[in-house]
Amino acid sequence: MKIDPTMTDEALLKLVGERLAGLRLERNLTQGQLAQQAGLGLRTVQRLELGAAAIRLSGFIRVCRALGLVENLEMLIPEPTVSPMAQLKQQGRTRQRASGGKAQFGETKKWTWDEPA
C-alpha cells in the first residue's frame, strides 16, 4: 500500500509499523534483536510494528538507525530551501521567527475605544 496524504493517523502508524516489520524480517532480525540493537524495550518494538501507539521520536530514530534507514529521513524531512532573492535580503542573517502574515483582502482591523470610528 502506498502512503497517501488522505490516510488517517492510525492508518499511517499501522503502515509504517508494517514496513518496519518487513525490513526487520528482510534483515533476518527478531524483534528482540532489533530492540537490543536500538536500545529499546521489546514491547516498544512490538507496539511500533503493530502501529498500536506512537512512540517517542527518539525511539523511532533508534529503530531506523538499527535498520540502516537514517539516510532516508532526508527524503522525509528535506532541508528548507531559500530563494535567491530571500538570500539577498537576509545578507547573512538567519531567520529567527515566522511572520504572522499580512491581513487578507476583506479583513478589517478590530476597532478599539481609543481610536476614532
Protein backbone atom coordinates (compact mmCIF):
# COMPACT_ATOMS: atom_id res chain seq x y z
CA MET A 1 0.00 0.00 0.00
CA LYS A 2 1.26 3.46 -0.87
CA ILE A 3 1.33 6.31 1.63
CA ASP A 4 -1.48 8.72 0.84
CA PRO A 5 -1.97 12.16 2.45
CA THR A 6 -5.66 11.38 2.99
CA MET A 7 -4.86 8.43 5.27
CA THR A 8 -5.77 8.72 8.93
CA ASP A 9 -3.03 8.90 11.55
CA GLU A 10 -3.91 5.39 12.70
CA ALA A 11 -3.63 4.01 9.17
CA LEU A 12 -0.25 5.73 8.71
CA LEU A 13 1.06 4.34 12.00
CA LYS A 14 -0.07 0.86 11.00
CA LEU A 15 1.53 1.13 7.56
CA VAL A 16 4.82 2.45 8.94
CA GLY A 17 4.84 -0.36 11.50
CA GLU A 18 4.21 -2.98 8.80
CA ARG A 19 7.02 -1.58 6.67
CA LEU A 20 9.46 -1.56 9.59
CA ALA A 21 8.49 -5.16 10.42
CA GLY A 22 9.08 -6.15 6.80
CA LEU A 23 12.51 -4.51 6.77
CA ARG A 24 13.38 -6.20 10.06
CA LEU A 25 12.45 -9.58 8.61
CA GLU A 26 14.47 -8.90 5.42
CA ARG A 27 17.50 -8.38 7.67
CA ASN A 28 16.64 -11.62 9.48
CA LEU A 29 16.32 -9.95 12.88
CA THR A 30 13.94 -10.91 15.66
CA GLN A 31 12.03 -8.20 17.45
CA GLY A 32 14.25 -8.84 20.48
CA GLN A 33 17.44 -8.42 18.44
CA LEU A 34 16.16 -5.17 16.92
CA ALA A 35 15.14 -3.90 20.35
CA GLN A 36 18.60 -4.69 21.71
CA GLN A 37 20.40 -3.03 18.76
CA ALA A 38 18.16 0.04 19.03
CA GLY A 39 18.49 0.23 22.82
CA LEU A 40 14.74 -0.09 23.30
CA GLY A 41 12.45 -2.49 25.09
CA LEU A 42 10.94 -5.44 23.25
CA ARG A 43 7.42 -4.15 23.94
CA THR A 44 8.30 -0.80 22.34
CA VAL A 45 9.37 -2.51 19.11
CA GLN A 46 6.26 -4.70 19.17
CA ARG A 47 3.97 -1.70 19.60
CA LEU A 48 5.77 0.22 16.87
CA GLU A 49 5.36 -2.65 14.41
CA LEU A 50 1.68 -3.03 15.32
CA GLY A 51 1.06 0.68 14.88
CA ALA A 52 -0.65 0.45 18.25
CA ALA A 53 0.73 3.67 19.65
CA ALA A 54 3.12 6.38 18.67
CA ILE A 55 6.42 6.04 20.47
CA ARG A 56 8.80 8.86 21.17
CA LEU A 57 10.55 10.19 18.12
CA SER A 58 13.92 9.22 19.59
CA GLY A 59 12.79 5.57 19.72
CA PHE A 60 11.68 5.71 16.10
CA ILE A 61 15.07 7.15 15.09
CA ARG A 62 16.87 4.41 17.03
CA VAL A 63 14.90 1.73 15.17
CA CYS A 64 15.65 3.47 11.85
CA ARG A 65 19.34 3.60 12.76
CA ALA A 66 19.40 -0.11 13.68
CA LEU A 67 17.74 -0.96 10.34
CA GLY A 68 20.08 1.33 8.38
CA LEU A 69 17.32 3.76 7.40
CA VAL A 70 18.62 7.04 8.86
CA GLU A 71 19.74 8.29 5.44
CA ASN A 72 16.14 8.00 4.22
CA LEU A 73 14.99 10.59 6.76
CA GLU A 74 16.43 13.22 4.39
CA MET A 75 13.61 12.42 1.97
CA LEU A 76 11.05 12.57 4.77
CA ILE A 77 12.14 15.98 6.04
CA PRO A 78 14.17 17.81 3.39
CA GLU A 79 16.22 20.85 4.28
CA PRO A 80 14.25 24.03 3.60
CA THR A 81 15.36 25.97 0.54
CA VAL A 82 15.64 29.72 0.40
CA SER A 83 15.07 31.66 -2.80
CA PRO A 84 17.96 33.73 -4.16
CA MET A 85 16.02 36.96 -3.50
CA ALA A 86 15.41 35.98 0.11
CA GLN A 87 19.12 35.22 0.49
CA LEU A 88 19.98 38.71 -0.74
CA LYS A 89 17.50 40.29 1.66
CA GLN A 90 18.83 38.32 4.62
CA GLN A 91 22.50 39.12 3.84
CA GLY A 92 23.92 36.53 6.24
CA ARG A 93 21.19 36.79 8.89
CA THR A 94 19.40 33.60 9.85
CA ARG A 95 15.65 33.69 10.17
CA GLN A 96 14.59 33.64 13.82
CA ARG A 97 10.79 33.51 13.57
CA ALA A 98 7.90 33.33 11.17
CA SER A 99 5.91 36.43 10.36
CA GLY A 100 2.24 36.38 11.19
CA GLY A 101 1.42 37.11 7.58
CA LYS A 102 -0.40 40.09 6.17
CA ALA A 103 -4.12 40.63 6.59
CA GLN A 104 -6.16 39.06 3.82
CA PHE A 105 -8.27 41.20 1.49
CA GLY A 106 -11.59 41.99 3.11
CA GLU A 107 -10.32 41.59 6.66
CA THR A 108 -10.81 44.62 8.86
CA LYS A 109 -8.85 45.76 11.83
CA LYS A 110 -10.70 45.38 15.12
CA TRP A 111 -11.86 48.73 16.46
CA THR A 112 -10.79 49.79 19.96
CA TRP A 113 -12.14 52.56 22.21
CA ASP A 114 -9.16 54.86 21.83
CA GLU A 115 -9.48 55.04 18.03
CA PRO A 116 -11.90 57.27 16.13
CA ALA A 117 -14.74 55.49 14.34
